[in-house]
Amino acid sequence: HNFEYRVDYSAGPTHGRWKPVANWYGTGNNVRRRIAGRDYLFSLGDGKRIEVRLLSTSGMRLCAALIADGFKTWADRDGDGVIDRLDNCPDWAGKPEFHGCNGPQLVKITDTKLELLETILFATNRTNINKKSNKVLDAAALVIKNHPEMRIEIEGHTDDRGSDASNLKLSDGRAAAVRKYFVKKGVPAARLTSKGYGEAQPIAENKTDAGRGKNRRVEFLILRDIETTVPAPTTVPATPAPAPKK
């Protein structure tokens, strides 16, 4: 692998503040460069993606990737190896298998959603949340509070039994009930929206009880990610060294 790009580390790398100014060139699967007394290891992958881990002058760990549409950087401020945007506990070091926390989790952050590992239960044909779901909802509320950069759309869905109108109303009410629950748990209301989709977006067939059970669900869409994108460093062919003068 050969590559060359321009990045200014003179002030120390900071989240989303990298500025293209100077060239350097490296080859091999791993390239190490010492800049301002600090070592930076660049691990080159195949294709367009280059994964990078850096330690800034402030001690904050950063991850970055060179991709087609930009140079995206993600902080890992607790240094546990889980980038903040996917870390349930971004302010204290945990374990990757626990999504950055110190014990098993009921919630997982993905690129587009919060995934709850338990189904949210409601009273039949009602918007009342079953108390059995309080634990998983409390866990989700905590993760959202740990990420003030995040806005969430709470989406309600039903199976196809009943009329379209009643299903839309039921799904909307259930999504609103979850939003209200989160607000009571301390999540700012301005960061939460809710919407019902009725039976319009099934994820399984409605021919069986199992399929209908999957379709009766609440999902949590991340409307604003915590990713920071800055312009891509310029990638240019390596400049050969000038021939020695005779």
Protein backbone atom coordinates (compact mmCIF):
# COMPACT_ATOMS: atom_id res chain seq x y z
CA HIS A 1 0.00 0.00 0.00
CA ASN A 2 1.25 3.49 -0.84
CA PHE A 3 -0.35 6.70 0.25
CA GLU A 4 0.32 10.36 0.77
CA TYR A 5 -1.92 12.95 2.40
CA ARG A 6 -1.76 16.28 4.19
CA VAL A 7 -2.55 16.73 7.86
CA ASP A 8 -1.40 19.36 10.35
CA TYR A 9 -0.56 17.97 13.78
CA SER A 10 1.30 21.07 14.95
CA ALA A 11 -1.31 21.90 17.59
CA GLY A 12 -2.09 18.28 18.39
CA PRO A 13 -5.02 16.46 16.82
CA THR A 14 -8.40 17.45 18.21
CA HIS A 15 -11.86 16.15 17.40
CA GLY A 16 -12.94 17.51 14.03
CA ARG A 17 -10.17 20.12 13.87
CA TRP A 18 -7.62 18.58 11.54
CA LYS A 19 -6.35 20.87 8.79
CA PRO A 20 -4.56 19.78 5.56
CA VAL A 21 -1.20 21.51 5.14
CA ALA A 22 1.85 19.25 4.88
CA ASN A 23 2.85 16.12 2.98
CA TRP A 24 4.26 12.83 4.07
CA TYR A 25 4.46 9.42 2.46
CA GLY A 26 4.62 5.85 3.76
CA THR A 27 4.47 2.24 2.59
CA GLY A 28 3.69 -1.07 4.25
CA ASN A 29 0.86 -2.43 6.35
CA ASN A 30 1.77 -0.30 9.35
CA VAL A 31 3.49 3.06 9.22
CA ARG A 32 4.70 4.82 12.35
CA ARG A 33 5.61 8.48 12.41
CA ARG A 34 6.94 10.55 15.29
CA ILE A 35 5.48 14.07 15.35
CA ALA A 36 6.25 16.66 18.01
CA GLY A 37 7.63 14.01 20.34
CA ARG A 38 4.67 11.65 19.96
CA ASP A 39 4.36 8.40 18.04
CA TYR A 40 1.43 7.88 15.70
CA LEU A 41 0.74 4.48 14.18
CA PHE A 42 -1.19 4.41 10.90
CA SER A 43 -2.61 0.99 10.03
CA LEU A 44 -3.36 0.76 6.34
CA GLY A 45 -6.30 -1.34 5.20
CA ASP A 46 -7.39 -2.45 1.77
CA GLY A 47 -9.19 -0.10 -0.59
CA LYS A 48 -10.16 3.40 0.44
CA ARG A 49 -10.47 2.93 4.19
CA ILE A 50 -7.55 3.63 6.50
CA GLU A 51 -8.14 3.10 10.22
CA VAL A 52 -6.11 5.36 12.46
CA ARG A 53 -5.71 5.58 16.23
CA LEU A 54 -4.06 8.67 17.65
CA LEU A 55 -3.28 10.07 21.08
CA SER A 56 -3.75 13.84 21.17
CA THR A 57 -1.69 16.27 23.23
CA SER A 58 -4.62 16.55 25.63
CA GLY A 59 -4.61 12.80 26.22
CA MET A 60 -7.91 12.17 24.39
CA ARG A 61 -7.79 9.14 22.16
CA LEU A 62 -9.08 9.59 18.63
CA CYS A 63 -10.06 7.19 15.90
CA ALA A 64 -10.22 8.27 12.28
CA ALA A 65 -10.83 6.85 8.84
CA LEU A 66 -9.90 8.12 5.39
CA ILE A 67 -12.93 7.36 3.24
CA ALA A 68 -14.32 8.50 -0.08
CA ASP A 69 -16.42 11.45 1.07
CA GLY A 70 -14.46 12.86 3.94
CA PHE A 71 -12.03 12.42 6.79
CA LYS A 72 -14.20 11.29 9.70
CA THR A 73 -12.91 11.42 13.26
CA TRP A 74 -14.37 9.87 16.36
CA ALA A 75 -13.26 10.55 19.91
CA ASP A 76 -12.71 7.86 22.52
CA ARG A 77 -12.40 10.12 25.52
CA ASP A 78 -12.29 7.36 28.12
CA GLY A 79 -9.65 5.43 26.13
CA ASP A 80 -11.36 2.05 26.46
CA GLY A 81 -11.17 1.18 22.77
CA VAL A 82 -14.86 1.87 22.08
CA ILE A 83 -15.36 5.11 20.15
CA ASP A 84 -17.71 7.56 21.85
CA ARG A 85 -20.37 7.38 19.16
CA LEU A 86 -20.86 3.66 19.92
CA ASP A 87 -20.01 3.77 23.64
CA ASN A 88 -22.91 3.37 26.09
CA CYS A 89 -20.67 4.78 28.82
CA PRO A 90 -18.41 7.29 27.02
CA ASP A 91 -17.12 9.03 30.17
CA TRP A 92 -15.70 6.05 32.02
CA ALA A 93 -13.61 3.17 30.75
CA GLY A 94 -15.37 -0.14 30.27
CA LYS A 95 -15.11 -3.25 28.15
CA PRO A 96 -15.78 -3.54 24.41
CA GLU A 97 -17.94 -6.63 24.95
CA PHE A 98 -20.18 -4.50 27.20
CA HIS A 99 -20.33 -1.63 24.69
CA GLY A 100 -17.90 0.49 26.73
CA CYS A 101 -19.47 -0.18 30.14
CA ASN A 102 -18.53 -2.53 32.99
CA GLY A 103 -21.37 -5.00 32.76
CA PRO A 104 -23.92 -6.56 30.40
CA GLN A 105 -26.06 -4.06 28.51
CA LEU A 106 -29.67 -4.02 27.34
CA VAL A 107 -29.01 -1.36 24.70
CA LYS A 108 -26.66 -1.19 21.72
CA ILE A 109 -25.83 1.92 19.67
CA THR A 110 -25.52 1.33 15.92
CA ASP A 111 -24.87 3.77 13.10
CA THR A 112 -28.58 4.51 12.70
CA LYS A 113 -30.47 3.21 15.72
CA LEU A 114 -30.53 2.39 19.39
CA GLU A 115 -31.19 -1.34 19.51
CA LEU A 116 -32.98 -2.59 22.62
CA LEU A 117 -32.27 -6.22 23.40
CA GLU A 118 -35.70 -6.75 24.93
CA THR A 119 -39.09 -6.08 23.35
CA ILE A 120 -41.08 -3.22 24.85
CA LEU A 121 -44.38 -4.63 26.09
CA PHE A 122 -47.74 -2.87 26.25
CA ALA A 123 -51.21 -3.76 27.47
CA THR A 124 -53.21 -5.41 24.68
CA ASN A 125 -54.59 -2.78 22.30
CA ARG A 126 -53.55 -0.06 24.76
CA THR A 127 -50.73 2.46 25.06
CA ASN A 128 -49.92 1.57 28.68
CA ILE A 129 -46.33 0.34 29.05
CA ASN A 130 -45.98 -2.99 30.86
CA LYS A 131 -43.86 -2.63 34.00
CA LYS A 132 -41.75 -5.56 32.78
CA SER A 133 -40.28 -3.15 30.22
CA ASN A 134 -39.20 -0.52 32.75
CA LYS A 135 -35.71 -2.00 33.09
CA VAL A 136 -34.86 -1.90 29.39
CA LEU A 137 -36.42 1.56 29.00
CA ASP A 138 -34.41 2.85 31.97
CA ALA A 139 -31.25 1.52 30.31
CA ALA A 140 -32.14 3.22 27.03
CA ALA A 141 -32.87 6.52 28.78
CA LEU A 142 -29.46 6.41 30.47
CA VAL A 143 -27.65 5.82 27.18
CA ILE A 144 -29.49 8.73 25.57
CA LYS A 145 -28.59 10.99 28.50
CA ASN A 146 -24.96 9.90 28.15
CA HIS A 147 -25.04 11.21 24.56
CA PRO A 148 -26.34 14.81 24.62
CA GLU A 149 -25.38 15.15 20.94
CA MET A 150 -28.06 12.65 19.97
CA ARG A 151 -31.68 13.26 18.94
CA ILE A 152 -33.99 10.28 18.77
CA GLU A 153 -37.18 9.57 16.84
CA ILE A 154 -39.26 6.97 18.65
CA GLU A 155 -41.16 4.93 16.07
CA GLY A 156 -44.22 2.82 16.85
CA HIS A 157 -45.29 -0.14 14.69
CA THR A 158 -48.11 -2.71 14.77
CA ASP A 159 -49.11 -5.92 13.03
CA ASP A 160 -51.87 -5.95 10.42
CA ARG A 161 -54.78 -6.99 12.63
CA GLY A 162 -57.37 -4.23 12.95
CA SER A 163 -58.04 -1.28 10.69
CA ASP A 164 -55.33 0.91 9.23
CA ALA A 165 -56.66 3.90 11.15
CA SER A 166 -56.77 2.13 14.52
CA ASN A 167 -53.29 0.68 14.04
CA LEU A 168 -51.88 4.07 13.15
CA LYS A 169 -53.47 5.61 16.24
CA LEU A 170 -52.25 2.78 18.49
CA SER A 171 -48.68 2.92 17.20
CA ASP A 172 -48.58 6.69 17.55
CA GLY A 173 -49.86 6.48 21.11
CA ARG A 174 -47.34 3.85 22.09
CA ALA A 175 -44.44 5.83 20.66
CA ALA A 176 -45.68 8.91 22.52
CA ALA A 177 -45.93 6.89 25.74
CA VAL A 178 -42.28 5.86 25.44
CA ARG A 179 -41.28 9.47 24.78
CA LYS A 180 -43.17 10.55 27.90
CA TYR A 181 -41.41 7.83 29.90
CA PHE A 182 -37.99 9.04 28.77
CA VAL A 183 -38.81 12.63 29.64
CA LYS A 184 -39.80 11.52 33.16
CA LYS A 185 -36.41 9.82 33.38
CA GLY A 186 -34.60 13.07 32.62
CA VAL A 187 -34.10 13.03 28.86
CA PRO A 188 -34.75 16.56 27.51
CA ALA A 189 -38.04 16.59 25.60
CA ALA A 190 -36.48 18.67 22.80
CA ARG A 191 -34.22 15.74 21.92
CA LEU A 192 -37.10 13.32 21.42
CA THR A 193 -39.78 13.01 18.77
CA SER A 194 -42.32 10.24 18.36
CA LYS A 195 -44.29 8.94 15.41
CA GLY A 196 -46.55 6.00 14.66
CA TYR A 197 -46.41 4.04 11.41
CA GLY A 198 -49.16 1.55 12.08
CA GLU A 199 -48.81 -1.62 10.01
CA ALA A 200 -47.04 0.11 7.09
CA GLN A 201 -43.48 -1.08 7.84
CA PRO A 202 -43.52 -4.78 8.73
CA ILE A 203 -40.25 -6.60 9.32
CA ALA A 204 -41.83 -10.06 9.19
CA GLU A 205 -44.85 -11.76 7.67
CA ASN A 206 -48.13 -11.27 9.49
CA LYS A 207 -49.25 -14.85 8.82
CA THR A 208 -48.00 -16.26 12.13
CA ASP A 209 -48.05 -15.22 15.78
CA ALA A 210 -44.26 -15.03 15.73
CA GLY A 211 -44.26 -12.74 12.71
CA ARG A 212 -46.95 -10.50 14.13
CA GLY A 213 -45.03 -10.32 17.40
CA LYS A 214 -41.96 -9.04 15.57
CA ASN A 215 -44.01 -6.39 13.79
CA ARG A 216 -45.45 -5.06 17.06
CA ARG A 217 -42.43 -3.06 18.07
CA VAL A 218 -40.92 0.30 19.01
CA GLU A 219 -37.72 1.44 17.30
CA PHE A 220 -35.33 4.26 18.09
CA LEU A 221 -33.90 6.09 15.10
CA ILE A 222 -30.85 8.31 15.63
CA LEU A 223 -31.66 11.55 13.82
CA ARG A 224 -28.32 13.22 14.46
CA ASP A 225 -25.20 11.15 14.84
CA ILE A 226 -22.23 12.22 16.93
CA GLU A 227 -19.84 11.74 14.03
CA THR A 228 -17.78 14.72 12.90
CA THR A 229 -16.76 15.01 9.26
CA VAL A 230 -14.11 17.35 7.90
CA PRO A 231 -12.87 17.62 4.29
CA ALA A 232 -10.91 14.62 3.08
CA PRO A 233 -7.13 14.94 3.10
CA THR A 234 -5.83 15.28 -0.44
CA THR A 235 -4.63 11.95 -1.81
CA VAL A 236 -2.00 12.36 -4.52
CA PRO A 237 0.57 10.12 -6.19
CA ALA A 238 3.86 9.90 -4.38
CA THR A 239 6.48 12.30 -5.66
CA PRO A 240 9.70 10.48 -6.52
CA ALA A 241 12.90 11.79 -5.03
CA PRO A 242 14.99 13.87 -7.45
CA ALA A 243 17.87 12.07 -9.11
CA PRO A 244 21.25 12.88 -7.56
CA LYS A 245 23.31 15.37 -9.50
CA LYS A 246 26.32 14.00 -11.29
